[in-house]
Structures are given as structure tokens and as C-alpha cells.
Amino acid sequence: MHETTDIFSAIADPTRRSILEVLASHEGLAASDIYDRYPVSPQAISRHLKILREAQLVIVEKRAQQRIYRINPSAIAELENWSAELRKRWNRRLDALEQVLEEEWNKTRGGQEKNDAD
């Protein structure tokens, strides 16, 4: 049974996030060019690339003896959309809290002004 890695598990690792950042700065990179950027073994980077492929965050194209890696824009868009929706939900909650706090502040201030007038 083939199990796919979810996006969040894939980006949980700082090396994989770094690989994504590197790929985002290039049109495509050969696996060997990616390996050369990290102080760990090519096998370790290869495992990271496999996880990124399984999570569909990167696309690999075989050219002769090389594997060229690119960011998968649709997966990144999916991640961005999820993040934007979460941000909207939190902003609505924070706006509601702000309104309640403002109402309470006004009540307290109004009562204080009445006491000051007496």
C-alpha cells in the first residue's frame, strides 16, 4: 500500500522548507544542484525530495540522466488558500473580541464618568 505524505508533514522539516525556498528561486534545478547546497549526504537530500514529491509539493522531470525538480504551483496555491482561510477565521474572531472589549470599556468608562459627575 502506497501512503502519501501530507503537505504539512512535508513542510514540518526545516531542510524541506529550505529546499522549497531554493526551488522557488529557480525555474528548475537538477537533483545534483540541490545536493550541492546542503552539508548532508545526497541520500539524505534524496529522501527529503522524495517526501516533497509524495506530498506533491514538487514536480520532477527526467531529462537524460538528470532529474529536474520544480515547485508545484497548484500545491503551493492550495497551502496558501488554506492559510488565507485560517487567517480570515482568526481575524473574524479577533474582530468580535475587539468589539466586546470596546463595549465593556465604554460601559466601564461611562459608569466612571457618572461617578465623577456625582
N, C-alpha and C. Protein backbone atom coordinates (compact mmCIF):
# COMPACT_ATOMS: atom_id res chain seq x y z
N MET A 1 0.84 -1.19 0.00
CA MET A 1 0.00 0.00 0.00
C MET A 1 0.88 1.24 0.00
N HIS A 2 0.64 2.17 -0.92
CA HIS A 2 1.43 3.39 -1.03
C HIS A 2 0.75 4.49 -0.24
N GLU A 3 1.48 5.05 0.70
CA GLU A 3 0.95 6.10 1.55
C GLU A 3 1.56 7.43 1.12
N THR A 4 0.73 8.45 0.92
CA THR A 4 1.26 9.74 0.54
C THR A 4 1.49 10.59 1.78
N THR A 5 2.44 11.47 1.67
CA THR A 5 2.76 12.40 2.74
C THR A 5 1.90 13.64 2.57
N ASP A 6 1.31 14.11 3.68
CA ASP A 6 0.53 15.33 3.54
C ASP A 6 1.45 16.55 3.52
N ILE A 7 0.93 17.63 3.02
CA ILE A 7 1.71 18.85 2.83
C ILE A 7 2.32 19.33 4.15
N PHE A 8 1.54 19.27 5.22
CA PHE A 8 2.01 19.83 6.49
C PHE A 8 3.13 18.99 7.10
N SER A 9 3.05 17.69 6.95
CA SER A 9 4.16 16.84 7.41
C SER A 9 5.41 17.13 6.59
N ALA A 10 5.22 17.35 5.31
CA ALA A 10 6.36 17.61 4.44
C ALA A 10 7.05 18.92 4.79
N ILE A 11 6.30 19.95 5.07
CA ILE A 11 6.92 21.25 5.35
C ILE A 11 7.31 21.42 6.82
N ALA A 12 7.05 20.42 7.63
CA ALA A 12 7.42 20.49 9.04
C ALA A 12 8.94 20.49 9.22
N ASP A 13 9.64 19.90 8.28
CA ASP A 13 11.10 19.79 8.39
C ASP A 13 11.78 21.03 7.80
N PRO A 14 12.72 21.63 8.55
CA PRO A 14 13.38 22.85 8.05
C PRO A 14 14.20 22.64 6.78
N THR A 15 14.77 21.47 6.60
CA THR A 15 15.53 21.22 5.37
C THR A 15 14.60 21.20 4.17
N ARG A 16 13.43 20.57 4.33
CA ARG A 16 12.48 20.53 3.21
C ARG A 16 11.94 21.92 2.91
N ARG A 17 11.70 22.72 3.94
CA ARG A 17 11.27 24.11 3.69
C ARG A 17 12.36 24.86 2.94
N SER A 18 13.59 24.63 3.33
CA SER A 18 14.71 25.28 2.65
C SER A 18 14.79 24.86 1.18
N ILE A 19 14.62 23.59 0.93
CA ILE A 19 14.62 23.09 -0.46
C ILE A 19 13.52 23.79 -1.27
N LEU A 20 12.34 23.92 -0.68
CA LEU A 20 11.25 24.62 -1.37
C LEU A 20 11.62 26.07 -1.66
N GLU A 21 12.27 26.72 -0.70
CA GLU A 21 12.69 28.10 -0.91
C GLU A 21 13.70 28.20 -2.05
N VAL A 22 14.63 27.26 -2.09
CA VAL A 22 15.63 27.24 -3.17
C VAL A 22 14.92 27.04 -4.51
N LEU A 23 14.01 26.08 -4.56
CA LEU A 23 13.30 25.81 -5.82
C LEU A 23 12.42 26.98 -6.24
N ALA A 24 11.88 27.70 -5.28
CA ALA A 24 11.04 28.85 -5.60
C ALA A 24 11.85 29.96 -6.27
N SER A 25 13.16 29.95 -6.05
CA SER A 25 14.03 30.98 -6.64
C SER A 25 14.57 30.57 -8.01
N HIS A 26 14.24 29.38 -8.45
CA HIS A 26 14.76 28.88 -9.73
C HIS A 26 13.64 28.28 -10.55
N GLU A 27 13.83 28.28 -11.85
CA GLU A 27 12.86 27.66 -12.75
C GLU A 27 12.82 26.16 -12.57
N GLY A 28 13.95 25.59 -12.27
CA GLY A 28 14.08 24.16 -12.04
C GLY A 28 15.54 23.86 -11.73
N LEU A 29 15.76 22.88 -10.89
CA LEU A 29 17.13 22.52 -10.52
C LEU A 29 17.31 21.01 -10.62
N ALA A 30 18.48 20.63 -11.09
CA ALA A 30 18.83 19.21 -11.11
C ALA A 30 19.05 18.76 -9.67
N ALA A 31 18.76 17.50 -9.42
CA ALA A 31 18.95 16.95 -8.08
C ALA A 31 20.38 17.20 -7.60
N SER A 32 21.36 17.05 -8.47
CA SER A 32 22.77 17.26 -8.08
C SER A 32 23.01 18.70 -7.64
N ASP A 33 22.34 19.66 -8.26
CA ASP A 33 22.48 21.07 -7.86
C ASP A 33 21.86 21.30 -6.48
N ILE A 34 20.81 20.57 -6.18
CA ILE A 34 20.18 20.68 -4.87
C ILE A 34 21.09 20.04 -3.82
N TYR A 35 21.63 18.87 -4.12
CA TYR A 35 22.52 18.18 -3.18
C TYR A 35 23.69 19.07 -2.78
N ASP A 36 24.25 19.77 -3.78
CA ASP A 36 25.45 20.58 -3.56
C ASP A 36 25.22 21.73 -2.58
N ARG A 37 23.98 22.10 -2.34
CA ARG A 37 23.67 23.24 -1.48
C ARG A 37 23.60 22.87 0.00
N TYR A 38 23.67 21.59 0.31
CA TYR A 38 23.45 21.15 1.70
C TYR A 38 24.64 20.34 2.21
N PRO A 39 24.94 20.49 3.50
CA PRO A 39 26.10 19.80 4.08
C PRO A 39 25.82 18.36 4.49
N VAL A 40 24.73 17.80 4.01
CA VAL A 40 24.40 16.41 4.33
C VAL A 40 24.58 15.56 3.08
N SER A 41 24.45 14.27 3.22
CA SER A 41 24.69 13.37 2.09
C SER A 41 23.61 13.53 1.02
N PRO A 42 23.97 13.23 -0.22
CA PRO A 42 22.97 13.24 -1.28
C PRO A 42 21.80 12.30 -0.98
N GLN A 43 22.07 11.19 -0.28
CA GLN A 43 20.99 10.26 0.07
C GLN A 43 19.98 10.93 1.00
N ALA A 44 20.47 11.73 1.94
CA ALA A 44 19.57 12.43 2.87
C ALA A 44 18.70 13.42 2.10
N ILE A 45 19.30 14.18 1.19
CA ILE A 45 18.53 15.14 0.39
C ILE A 45 17.56 14.40 -0.52
N SER A 46 17.99 13.27 -1.04
CA SER A 46 17.13 12.46 -1.89
C SER A 46 15.87 12.02 -1.12
N ARG A 47 16.04 11.67 0.14
CA ARG A 47 14.86 11.29 0.96
C ARG A 47 13.94 12.49 1.15
N HIS A 48 14.53 13.67 1.38
CA HIS A 48 13.72 14.89 1.52
C HIS A 48 12.95 15.17 0.22
N LEU A 49 13.63 15.03 -0.91
CA LEU A 49 12.98 15.26 -2.19
C LEU A 49 11.85 14.26 -2.43
N LYS A 50 12.06 13.02 -2.00
CA LYS A 50 11.01 12.00 -2.14
C LYS A 50 9.77 12.41 -1.34
N ILE A 51 9.97 12.88 -0.14
CA ILE A 51 8.83 13.31 0.69
C ILE A 51 8.12 14.49 0.05
N LEU A 52 8.88 15.43 -0.49
CA LEU A 52 8.27 16.59 -1.17
C LEU A 52 7.50 16.14 -2.41
N ARG A 53 8.01 15.13 -3.12
CA ARG A 53 7.29 14.58 -4.28
C ARG A 53 5.99 13.91 -3.84
N GLU A 54 6.08 13.09 -2.78
CA GLU A 54 4.89 12.38 -2.29
C GLU A 54 3.81 13.35 -1.82
N ALA A 55 4.23 14.47 -1.27
CA ALA A 55 3.27 15.49 -0.84
C ALA A 55 2.82 16.36 -2.01
N GLN A 56 3.37 16.09 -3.18
CA GLN A 56 3.07 16.80 -4.42
C GLN A 56 3.43 18.28 -4.37
N LEU A 57 4.41 18.61 -3.53
CA LEU A 57 4.89 19.98 -3.45
C LEU A 57 5.91 20.29 -4.55
N VAL A 58 6.54 19.25 -5.06
CA VAL A 58 7.48 19.42 -6.17
C VAL A 58 7.10 18.46 -7.29
N ILE A 59 7.51 18.87 -8.46
CA ILE A 59 7.32 18.06 -9.67
C ILE A 59 8.71 17.70 -10.16
N VAL A 60 8.89 16.46 -10.58
CA VAL A 60 10.20 16.04 -11.11
C VAL A 60 10.04 15.67 -12.57
N GLU A 61 11.01 16.09 -13.34
CA GLU A 61 11.05 15.78 -14.77
C GLU A 61 12.38 15.10 -15.05
N LYS A 62 12.33 13.99 -15.74
CA LYS A 62 13.58 13.30 -16.09
C LYS A 62 14.06 13.82 -17.43
N ARG A 63 15.32 14.28 -17.42
CA ARG A 63 15.98 14.71 -18.66
C ARG A 63 17.29 13.95 -18.76
N ALA A 64 17.34 13.05 -19.69
CA ALA A 64 18.52 12.18 -19.86
C ALA A 64 18.85 11.52 -18.53
N GLN A 65 20.03 11.81 -17.98
CA GLN A 65 20.44 11.21 -16.71
C GLN A 65 20.05 12.08 -15.51
N GLN A 66 19.45 13.21 -15.75
CA GLN A 66 19.13 14.14 -14.65
C GLN A 66 17.66 14.12 -14.27
N ARG A 67 17.43 14.45 -13.01
CA ARG A 67 16.07 14.70 -12.53
C ARG A 67 16.00 16.19 -12.22
N ILE A 68 15.08 16.87 -12.85
CA ILE A 68 14.91 18.32 -12.65
C ILE A 68 13.70 18.52 -11.75
N TYR A 69 13.92 19.24 -10.66
CA TYR A 69 12.87 19.49 -9.67
C TYR A 69 12.36 20.92 -9.81
N ARG A 70 11.03 21.03 -9.70
CA ARG A 70 10.34 22.33 -9.73
C ARG A 70 9.29 22.37 -8.64
N ILE A 71 8.96 23.56 -8.23
CA ILE A 71 7.83 23.76 -7.31
C ILE A 71 6.55 23.39 -8.06
N ASN A 72 5.61 22.78 -7.36
CA ASN A 72 4.28 22.50 -7.92
C ASN A 72 3.38 23.67 -7.52
N PRO A 73 3.10 24.58 -8.44
CA PRO A 73 2.34 25.79 -8.09
C PRO A 73 0.94 25.49 -7.54
N SER A 74 0.31 24.43 -8.01
CA SER A 74 -1.05 24.15 -7.52
C SER A 74 -1.04 23.71 -6.06
N ALA A 75 -0.02 22.97 -5.65
CA ALA A 75 0.07 22.55 -4.24
C ALA A 75 0.37 23.75 -3.35
N ILE A 76 1.23 24.64 -3.83
CA ILE A 76 1.55 25.85 -3.06
C ILE A 76 0.31 26.73 -2.97
N ALA A 77 -0.46 26.83 -4.04
CA ALA A 77 -1.70 27.61 -4.02
C ALA A 77 -2.70 27.01 -3.02
N GLU A 78 -2.77 25.69 -2.99
CA GLU A 78 -3.66 25.03 -2.03
C GLU A 78 -3.26 25.37 -0.59
N LEU A 79 -1.98 25.32 -0.32
CA LEU A 79 -1.46 25.66 1.00
C LEU A 79 -1.75 27.13 1.33
N GLU A 80 -1.55 27.99 0.36
CA GLU A 80 -1.80 29.42 0.55
C GLU A 80 -3.29 29.69 0.80
N ASN A 81 -4.15 29.01 0.07
CA ASN A 81 -5.59 29.19 0.26
C ASN A 81 -6.03 28.73 1.65
N TRP A 82 -5.49 27.62 2.10
CA TRP A 82 -5.81 27.13 3.44
C TRP A 82 -5.38 28.15 4.48
N SER A 83 -4.17 28.66 4.32
CA SER A 83 -3.63 29.64 5.26
C SER A 83 -4.47 30.92 5.26
N ALA A 84 -4.88 31.37 4.09
CA ALA A 84 -5.70 32.59 3.99
C ALA A 84 -7.05 32.38 4.66
N GLU A 85 -7.65 31.22 4.48
CA GLU A 85 -8.94 30.94 5.12
C GLU A 85 -8.80 30.90 6.64
N LEU A 86 -7.74 30.29 7.11
CA LEU A 86 -7.49 30.25 8.55
C LEU A 86 -7.31 31.66 9.10
N ARG A 87 -6.55 32.48 8.37
CA ARG A 87 -6.33 33.86 8.79
C ARG A 87 -7.65 34.63 8.85
N LYS A 88 -8.53 34.43 7.87
CA LYS A 88 -9.84 35.10 7.87
C LYS A 88 -10.65 34.71 9.09
N ARG A 89 -10.65 33.41 9.41
CA ARG A 89 -11.41 32.94 10.58
C ARG A 89 -10.88 33.59 11.86
N TRP A 90 -9.57 33.61 12.02
CA TRP A 90 -8.98 34.21 13.21
C TRP A 90 -9.26 35.70 13.26
N ASN A 91 -9.19 36.37 12.12
CA ASN A 91 -9.47 37.81 12.10
C ASN A 91 -10.91 38.09 12.51
N ARG A 92 -11.85 37.25 12.06
CA ARG A 92 -13.26 37.44 12.47
C ARG A 92 -13.39 37.28 13.98
N ARG A 93 -12.72 36.27 14.53
CA ARG A 93 -12.78 36.04 15.99
C ARG A 93 -12.14 37.20 16.74
N LEU A 94 -11.02 37.67 16.25
CA LEU A 94 -10.35 38.80 16.91
C LEU A 94 -11.17 40.08 16.79
N ASP A 95 -11.82 40.28 15.66
CA ASP A 95 -12.69 41.45 15.50
C ASP A 95 -13.86 41.39 16.48
N ALA A 96 -14.44 40.19 16.65
CA ALA A 96 -15.55 40.03 17.60
C ALA A 96 -15.07 40.30 19.02
N LEU A 97 -13.90 39.80 19.37
CA LEU A 97 -13.33 40.05 20.70
C LEU A 97 -13.08 41.54 20.90
N GLU A 98 -12.54 42.19 19.89
CA GLU A 98 -12.28 43.62 19.98
C GLU A 98 -13.57 44.40 20.23
N GLN A 99 -14.64 43.99 19.56
CA GLN A 99 -15.93 44.66 19.73
C GLN A 99 -16.44 44.48 21.16
N VAL A 100 -16.35 43.27 21.69
CA VAL A 100 -16.79 43.01 23.07
C VAL A 100 -15.96 43.83 24.05
N LEU A 101 -14.67 43.85 23.87
CA LEU A 101 -13.79 44.61 24.77
C LEU A 101 -14.09 46.11 24.69
N GLU A 102 -14.34 46.60 23.50
CA GLU A 102 -14.67 48.01 23.33
C GLU A 102 -15.99 48.35 24.02
N GLU A 103 -16.99 47.46 23.88
CA GLU A 103 -18.28 47.67 24.55
C GLU A 103 -18.10 47.68 26.08
N GLU A 104 -17.31 46.74 26.59
CA GLU A 104 -17.05 46.68 28.03
C GLU A 104 -16.30 47.93 28.49
N TRP A 105 -15.34 48.36 27.71
CA TRP A 105 -14.58 49.57 28.04
C TRP A 105 -15.51 50.78 28.10
N ASN A 106 -16.38 50.89 27.11
CA ASN A 106 -17.32 52.01 27.08
C ASN A 106 -18.27 51.97 28.27
N LYS A 107 -18.73 50.78 28.66
CA LYS A 107 -19.62 50.65 29.83
C LYS A 107 -18.87 51.11 31.09
N THR A 108 -17.66 50.64 31.23
CA THR A 108 -16.85 50.98 32.41
C THR A 108 -16.55 52.47 32.42
N ARG A 109 -16.19 53.01 31.32
CA ARG A 109 -15.87 54.43 31.20
C ARG A 109 -17.12 55.27 31.44
N GLY A 110 -18.24 54.82 30.91
CA GLY A 110 -19.50 55.53 31.11
C GLY A 110 -19.88 55.56 32.58
N GLY A 111 -19.71 54.43 33.26
CA GLY A 111 -20.00 54.37 34.69
C GLY A 111 -19.04 55.23 35.47
N GLN A 112 -17.79 55.28 35.05
CA GLN A 112 -16.78 56.10 35.73
C GLN A 112 -17.11 57.57 35.57
N GLU A 113 -17.54 57.98 34.37
CA GLU A 113 -17.90 59.38 34.14
C GLU A 113 -19.09 59.78 34.99
N LYS A 114 -20.05 58.86 35.18
CA LYS A 114 -21.23 59.14 36.00
C LYS A 114 -20.80 59.34 37.46
N ASN A 115 -19.89 58.47 37.96
CA ASN A 115 -19.41 58.60 39.33
C ASN A 115 -18.62 59.90 39.51
N ASP A 116 -17.87 60.31 38.50
CA ASP A 116 -17.11 61.55 38.58
C ASP A 116 -18.03 62.76 38.62
N ALA A 117 -19.18 62.67 37.96
CA ALA A 117 -20.14 63.77 37.93
C ALA A 117 -20.85 63.92 39.27
N ASP A 118 -21.00 62.86 40.06
CA ASP A 118 -21.72 62.91 41.33
C ASP A 118 -20.94 63.56 42.38
